[in-house]
N, C-alpha and C. Protein backbone atom coordinates (compact mmCIF):
# COMPACT_ATOMS: atom_id res chain seq x y z
N MET A 1 -11.28 -7.05 -5.39
CA MET A 1 -11.50 -8.19 -5.87
C MET A 1 -10.80 -8.38 -7.33
N SER A 2 -10.31 -9.37 -7.68
CA SER A 2 -9.52 -9.62 -8.87
C SER A 2 -10.64 -10.18 -9.93
N SER A 3 -10.22 -9.96 -11.27
CA SER A 3 -11.19 -10.58 -12.22
C SER A 3 -11.45 -11.87 -12.15
N LYS A 4 -10.33 -12.76 -11.71
CA LYS A 4 -10.77 -14.18 -11.60
C LYS A 4 -11.76 -14.49 -10.31
N GLU A 5 -11.63 -13.81 -9.29
CA GLU A 5 -12.63 -13.90 -8.24
C GLU A 5 -13.94 -13.55 -8.76
N PHE A 6 -14.04 -12.44 -9.45
CA PHE A 6 -15.38 -11.96 -9.99
C PHE A 6 -15.93 -12.98 -10.78
N SER A 7 -15.18 -13.55 -11.69
CA SER A 7 -15.73 -14.51 -12.79
C SER A 7 -16.26 -15.82 -12.02
N THR A 8 -15.35 -16.22 -11.09
CA THR A 8 -15.72 -17.43 -10.23
C THR A 8 -17.00 -17.31 -9.52
N ARG A 9 -17.23 -16.19 -8.94
CA ARG A 9 -18.39 -15.83 -8.24
C ARG A 9 -19.57 -15.74 -9.14
N ARG A 10 -19.32 -15.08 -10.16
CA ARG A 10 -20.43 -15.02 -11.29
C ARG A 10 -20.85 -16.15 -11.80
N VAL A 11 -20.04 -17.18 -11.94
CA VAL A 11 -20.36 -18.48 -12.68
C VAL A 11 -21.11 -19.23 -11.50
N GLY A 12 -20.68 -19.08 -10.30
CA GLY A 12 -21.50 -19.69 -9.12
C GLY A 12 -20.71 -20.98 -8.60
N ARG A 13 -19.42 -20.92 -8.92
CA ARG A 13 -18.61 -22.32 -8.57
C ARG A 13 -18.54 -22.40 -7.17
N ASP A 14 -18.71 -21.19 -6.34
CA ASP A 14 -18.45 -21.26 -4.88
C ASP A 14 -19.87 -21.50 -4.08
N LEU A 15 -20.86 -21.58 -4.90
CA LEU A 15 -22.18 -21.64 -4.25
C LEU A 15 -22.63 -23.22 -3.87
N PRO A 16 -23.30 -23.41 -2.98
CA PRO A 16 -23.85 -24.77 -2.60
C PRO A 16 -24.69 -25.37 -3.87
N ASP A 17 -24.67 -26.55 -4.07
CA ASP A 17 -25.39 -27.25 -5.24
C ASP A 17 -26.81 -26.69 -5.16
N GLU A 18 -27.51 -26.58 -4.27
CA GLU A 18 -29.05 -26.04 -4.22
C GLU A 18 -29.14 -24.72 -4.78
N ASP A 19 -28.12 -24.11 -4.70
CA ASP A 19 -28.14 -22.61 -5.04
C ASP A 19 -28.00 -22.56 -6.70
N ARG A 20 -27.09 -23.56 -7.02
CA ARG A 20 -26.77 -23.39 -8.56
C ARG A 20 -27.71 -23.94 -9.35
N THR A 21 -28.77 -24.73 -8.80
CA THR A 21 -29.74 -25.50 -9.41
C THR A 21 -30.95 -24.47 -9.73
N SER A 22 -31.39 -24.21 -10.80
CA SER A 22 -32.63 -23.24 -11.06
C SER A 22 -33.88 -23.65 -10.28
N ARG A 23 -34.56 -22.67 -9.90
CA ARG A 23 -35.70 -22.84 -9.07
C ARG A 23 -36.61 -23.54 -9.93
N ASP A 24 -36.88 -23.38 -11.28
CA ASP A 24 -37.68 -23.88 -12.15
C ASP A 24 -37.29 -25.50 -12.29
N PHE A 25 -36.22 -25.70 -12.42
CA PHE A 25 -35.83 -27.25 -12.47
C PHE A 25 -36.03 -28.00 -11.45
N ARG A 26 -35.75 -27.44 -10.28
CA ARG A 26 -36.08 -28.24 -8.98
C ARG A 26 -37.75 -28.53 -8.77
N ARG A 27 -38.37 -27.38 -9.30
CA ARG A 27 -39.89 -27.56 -9.22
C ARG A 27 -40.34 -28.71 -10.25
N GLN A 28 -39.76 -28.91 -11.40
CA GLN A 28 -39.96 -30.07 -12.29
C GLN A 28 -39.61 -31.22 -11.70
N LEU A 29 -38.50 -31.40 -11.05
CA LEU A 29 -38.20 -32.55 -10.38
C LEU A 29 -39.30 -33.02 -9.14
N GLU A 30 -40.02 -31.90 -8.85
CA GLU A 30 -40.83 -32.30 -7.82
C GLU A 30 -42.22 -32.69 -8.35
N GLY A 31 -42.25 -32.69 -9.61
CA GLY A 31 -43.58 -33.07 -10.39
C GLY A 31 -44.37 -31.81 -10.86
N TYR A 32 -43.79 -30.71 -10.93
CA TYR A 32 -44.50 -29.58 -11.34
C TYR A 32 -44.41 -29.67 -13.03
N GLY A 33 -45.44 -29.27 -13.53
CA GLY A 33 -45.28 -29.08 -15.15
C GLY A 33 -45.67 -27.61 -15.70
N LEU A 34 -45.23 -27.42 -16.82
CA LEU A 34 -45.60 -26.02 -17.51
C LEU A 34 -47.10 -25.95 -17.59
N THR A 35 -47.84 -25.06 -17.16
CA THR A 35 -49.08 -24.85 -17.40
C THR A 35 -49.34 -23.59 -17.93
N THR A 36 -50.18 -23.60 -19.03
CA THR A 36 -50.66 -22.46 -19.78
C THR A 36 -52.20 -22.29 -19.71
N ALA A 37 -52.85 -21.15 -19.34
CA ALA A 37 -54.20 -20.92 -19.21
C ALA A 37 -54.28 -19.82 -20.20
N ASN A 38 -55.48 -20.00 -21.14
CA ASN A 38 -56.03 -18.96 -21.98
C ASN A 38 -57.16 -18.57 -21.27
N ILE A 39 -57.31 -17.36 -20.86
CA ILE A 39 -58.42 -16.63 -20.07
C ILE A 39 -59.12 -15.77 -20.80
N LEU A 40 -60.38 -16.17 -21.22
CA LEU A 40 -61.37 -15.02 -21.87
C LEU A 40 -62.13 -14.43 -20.77
N TYR A 41 -62.13 -13.06 -20.83
CA TYR A 41 -62.83 -12.28 -19.99
C TYR A 41 -63.60 -11.14 -20.58
N ARG A 42 -64.74 -10.59 -19.96
CA ARG A 42 -65.40 -9.48 -20.44
C ARG A 42 -64.83 -8.31 -20.11
N ARG A 43 -64.76 -7.40 -21.02
CA ARG A 43 -64.16 -5.94 -20.60
C ARG A 43 -65.24 -5.26 -19.73
N PRO A 44 -64.81 -4.50 -18.64
CA PRO A 44 -65.71 -3.84 -17.94
C PRO A 44 -66.55 -2.83 -18.43
N ASP A 45 -65.81 -2.02 -19.44
CA ASP A 45 -66.43 -0.83 -20.08
C ASP A 45 -67.39 -1.36 -21.23
N HIS A 46 -67.16 -2.57 -21.79
CA HIS A 46 -67.95 -2.98 -23.00
C HIS A 46 -68.05 -4.61 -22.65
N PRO A 47 -69.20 -4.94 -21.83
CA PRO A 47 -69.37 -6.34 -21.36
C PRO A 47 -69.75 -7.22 -22.67
N TRP A 48 -69.97 -6.96 -23.83
CA TRP A 48 -70.30 -7.76 -25.01
C TRP A 48 -68.98 -8.01 -25.53
N LEU A 49 -67.83 -7.50 -25.22
CA LEU A 49 -66.52 -7.54 -25.95
C LEU A 49 -65.81 -8.61 -25.19
N LEU A 50 -65.23 -9.60 -25.61
CA LEU A 50 -64.46 -10.66 -25.16
C LEU A 50 -63.03 -10.17 -25.29
N GLN A 51 -62.10 -10.34 -24.20
CA GLN A 51 -60.61 -10.22 -24.40
C GLN A 51 -59.95 -11.38 -23.91
N THR A 52 -58.68 -11.50 -24.38
CA THR A 52 -58.00 -12.93 -23.86
C THR A 52 -56.73 -12.37 -23.07
N TYR A 53 -56.28 -13.22 -22.23
CA TYR A 53 -55.12 -12.95 -21.53
C TYR A 53 -54.59 -14.46 -21.18
N VAL A 54 -53.18 -14.66 -21.49
CA VAL A 54 -52.37 -15.95 -21.32
C VAL A 54 -51.65 -15.76 -20.21
N TRP A 55 -51.87 -16.88 -19.21
CA TRP A 55 -51.22 -17.08 -18.08
C TRP A 55 -50.34 -18.31 -18.13
N GLN A 56 -49.09 -18.13 -17.59
CA GLN A 56 -48.17 -19.44 -17.73
C GLN A 56 -47.30 -19.35 -16.47
N ASP A 57 -47.13 -20.72 -15.81
CA ASP A 57 -46.32 -20.88 -14.81
C ASP A 57 -46.21 -22.21 -14.76
N TYR A 58 -45.33 -22.84 -13.56
CA TYR A 58 -45.29 -24.23 -13.21
C TYR A 58 -46.14 -24.53 -12.30
N ASP A 59 -47.03 -25.52 -12.42
CA ASP A 59 -48.06 -25.88 -11.55
C ASP A 59 -48.22 -27.40 -11.52
N LEU A 60 -48.97 -27.75 -10.49
CA LEU A 60 -49.18 -29.31 -10.17
C LEU A 60 -50.58 -29.79 -10.71
N CYS A 61 -50.49 -30.55 -11.63
CA CYS A 61 -51.81 -31.22 -12.40
C CYS A 61 -52.26 -32.20 -11.43
N PRO A 62 -53.63 -32.46 -10.89
CA PRO A 62 -54.87 -31.82 -11.46
C PRO A 62 -55.23 -30.82 -10.82
N MET A 63 -54.73 -30.41 -9.64
CA MET A 63 -55.33 -29.27 -8.67
C MET A 63 -54.95 -27.96 -9.16
N PHE A 64 -53.97 -27.78 -9.82
CA PHE A 64 -53.32 -26.31 -10.06
C PHE A 64 -53.52 -25.42 -9.18
N PRO A 65 -52.83 -25.36 -7.99
CA PRO A 65 -52.81 -24.45 -6.91
C PRO A 65 -52.40 -23.17 -7.28
N GLN A 66 -51.33 -22.89 -8.25
CA GLN A 66 -50.82 -21.52 -8.70
C GLN A 66 -52.06 -20.93 -9.65
N LEU A 67 -52.57 -21.64 -10.46
CA LEU A 67 -53.46 -21.28 -11.36
C LEU A 67 -54.80 -20.71 -10.50
N ASN A 68 -55.25 -21.50 -9.72
CA ASN A 68 -56.33 -21.24 -8.83
C ASN A 68 -55.99 -19.98 -7.76
N LYS A 69 -54.87 -19.92 -7.33
CA LYS A 69 -54.54 -18.49 -6.57
C LYS A 69 -54.49 -17.55 -7.52
N PHE A 70 -54.25 -17.62 -8.72
CA PHE A 70 -54.07 -16.42 -9.57
C PHE A 70 -55.67 -16.11 -10.07
N LEU A 71 -56.47 -17.06 -10.28
CA LEU A 71 -57.86 -16.79 -10.48
C LEU A 71 -58.65 -16.23 -9.49
N ASN A 72 -58.35 -16.58 -8.16
CA ASN A 72 -58.87 -16.14 -6.94
C ASN A 72 -58.54 -14.52 -6.89
N PHE A 73 -57.24 -14.38 -7.20
CA PHE A 73 -56.80 -12.73 -7.37
C PHE A 73 -57.59 -12.24 -8.26
N TRP A 74 -57.69 -12.80 -9.38
CA TRP A 74 -58.50 -12.14 -10.52
C TRP A 74 -60.03 -11.72 -9.88
N LEU A 75 -60.68 -12.68 -9.52
CA LEU A 75 -61.97 -12.60 -9.09
C LEU A 75 -62.22 -11.51 -7.96
N GLU A 76 -61.02 -11.23 -6.96
CA GLU A 76 -61.33 -10.38 -5.94
C GLU A 76 -60.91 -9.12 -6.35
N LYS A 77 -59.90 -8.91 -7.08
CA LYS A 77 -59.13 -7.71 -7.29
C LYS A 77 -59.53 -6.86 -8.70
N LEU A 78 -59.81 -7.75 -9.62
CA LEU A 78 -60.06 -7.26 -11.13
C LEU A 78 -61.38 -7.00 -11.62
N GLU A 79 -61.71 -6.08 -12.37
CA GLU A 79 -62.82 -5.86 -12.69
C GLU A 79 -63.56 -6.60 -13.74
N GLY A 80 -62.80 -7.20 -14.79
CA GLY A 80 -63.39 -7.93 -15.95
C GLY A 80 -63.59 -9.35 -15.36
N PRO A 81 -64.98 -9.73 -15.67
CA PRO A 81 -65.62 -11.05 -15.19
C PRO A 81 -65.04 -11.97 -16.26
N LEU A 82 -64.64 -13.10 -15.61
CA LEU A 82 -64.27 -14.23 -16.39
C LEU A 82 -65.31 -14.91 -17.25
N HIS A 83 -65.03 -15.22 -18.50
CA HIS A 83 -65.96 -15.88 -19.35
C HIS A 83 -65.59 -17.54 -19.39
N SER A 84 -64.29 -17.69 -19.71
CA SER A 84 -64.01 -19.13 -19.74
C SER A 84 -62.31 -19.33 -19.58
N VAL A 85 -61.89 -20.53 -18.94
CA VAL A 85 -60.41 -20.54 -18.91
C VAL A 85 -60.00 -22.10 -19.65
N THR A 86 -59.34 -22.06 -20.30
CA THR A 86 -58.82 -23.20 -20.98
C THR A 86 -57.40 -23.53 -20.62
N VAL A 87 -57.18 -24.69 -20.10
CA VAL A 87 -55.77 -25.03 -19.54
C VAL A 87 -55.25 -26.15 -20.34
N ALA A 88 -53.88 -25.84 -20.58
CA ALA A 88 -52.92 -26.95 -20.90
C ALA A 88 -51.84 -27.18 -20.12
N HIS A 89 -51.44 -28.47 -20.06
CA HIS A 89 -50.33 -28.76 -18.99
C HIS A 89 -49.38 -29.66 -19.51
N ALA A 90 -48.13 -29.57 -19.37
CA ALA A 90 -47.11 -30.68 -19.89
C ALA A 90 -46.13 -30.82 -18.75
N ARG A 91 -45.84 -32.09 -18.58
CA ARG A 91 -44.74 -32.20 -17.61
C ARG A 91 -43.59 -32.32 -18.59
N LEU A 92 -42.58 -31.35 -18.25
CA LEU A 92 -41.35 -31.29 -19.13
C LEU A 92 -40.18 -32.39 -18.82
N ILE A 93 -40.43 -32.90 -17.54
CA ILE A 93 -39.24 -34.00 -17.34
C ILE A 93 -40.26 -35.18 -16.73
N LYS A 94 -40.14 -36.31 -17.33
CA LYS A 94 -40.66 -37.54 -17.12
C LYS A 94 -39.80 -38.42 -16.45
N PRO A 95 -40.43 -39.34 -15.64
CA PRO A 95 -39.40 -40.22 -14.70
C PRO A 95 -38.62 -41.06 -15.56
N ALA A 96 -38.81 -41.65 -16.89
CA ALA A 96 -38.12 -42.17 -17.68
C ALA A 96 -36.86 -41.57 -18.22
N GLU A 97 -36.88 -40.09 -18.01
CA GLU A 97 -35.81 -39.51 -18.47
C GLU A 97 -34.69 -39.18 -17.50
N ILE A 98 -35.01 -39.53 -16.30
CA ILE A 98 -34.00 -39.28 -14.99
C ILE A 98 -33.49 -40.75 -14.56
N ARG A 99 -32.25 -41.03 -14.82
CA ARG A 99 -31.50 -42.17 -14.44
C ARG A 99 -30.29 -42.14 -13.39
N ALA A 100 -30.45 -42.85 -12.49
CA ALA A 100 -29.12 -42.73 -11.54
C ALA A 100 -27.87 -43.22 -12.39
N VAL A 101 -26.70 -42.38 -12.18
CA VAL A 101 -25.58 -42.78 -12.59
C VAL A 101 -24.58 -43.52 -11.71
N ASP A 102 -24.24 -44.72 -12.09
CA ASP A 102 -23.31 -45.67 -11.29
C ASP A 102 -21.98 -45.16 -11.61
N GLY A 103 -21.31 -44.61 -12.44
CA GLY A 103 -20.06 -44.47 -12.61
C GLY A 103 -19.64 -42.98 -12.98
N GLU A 104 -18.42 -42.63 -13.07
CA GLU A 104 -18.00 -41.42 -13.39
C GLU A 104 -16.84 -41.42 -14.38
N PHE A 105 -16.97 -40.62 -15.39
CA PHE A 105 -15.96 -40.36 -16.47
C PHE A 105 -15.16 -39.30 -16.23
N ARG A 106 -13.70 -39.32 -16.47
CA ARG A 106 -13.04 -38.22 -16.39
C ARG A 106 -12.30 -38.04 -17.45
N LEU A 107 -12.17 -36.83 -18.29
CA LEU A 107 -11.47 -36.50 -19.28
C LEU A 107 -10.29 -35.58 -18.91
N HIS A 108 -9.30 -36.10 -19.53
CA HIS A 108 -8.01 -35.08 -19.19
C HIS A 108 -7.52 -34.40 -20.10
């Protein structure tokens, strides 16, 4: 393989459009927003002591399926009982920011 072939494949010019678009960007277009959860939990060895854990992923508001999946995992598999969960959510791409393009500009 020549260096030109390697650099072309590395950049992704020969990939279909859906493979070149990042998974996170596609999820944002589908309505997902960045969700951050600040989780306070009790230490199993010292129940009087609260510790914090920050979880972040793209999720759908208001049902938060990804966060609920993670919290269910926590309840089933981890020993530290949950004290509280504070959630912040922001849609990074809003409908007003996406516009159809009617023309094409070519620079030579």
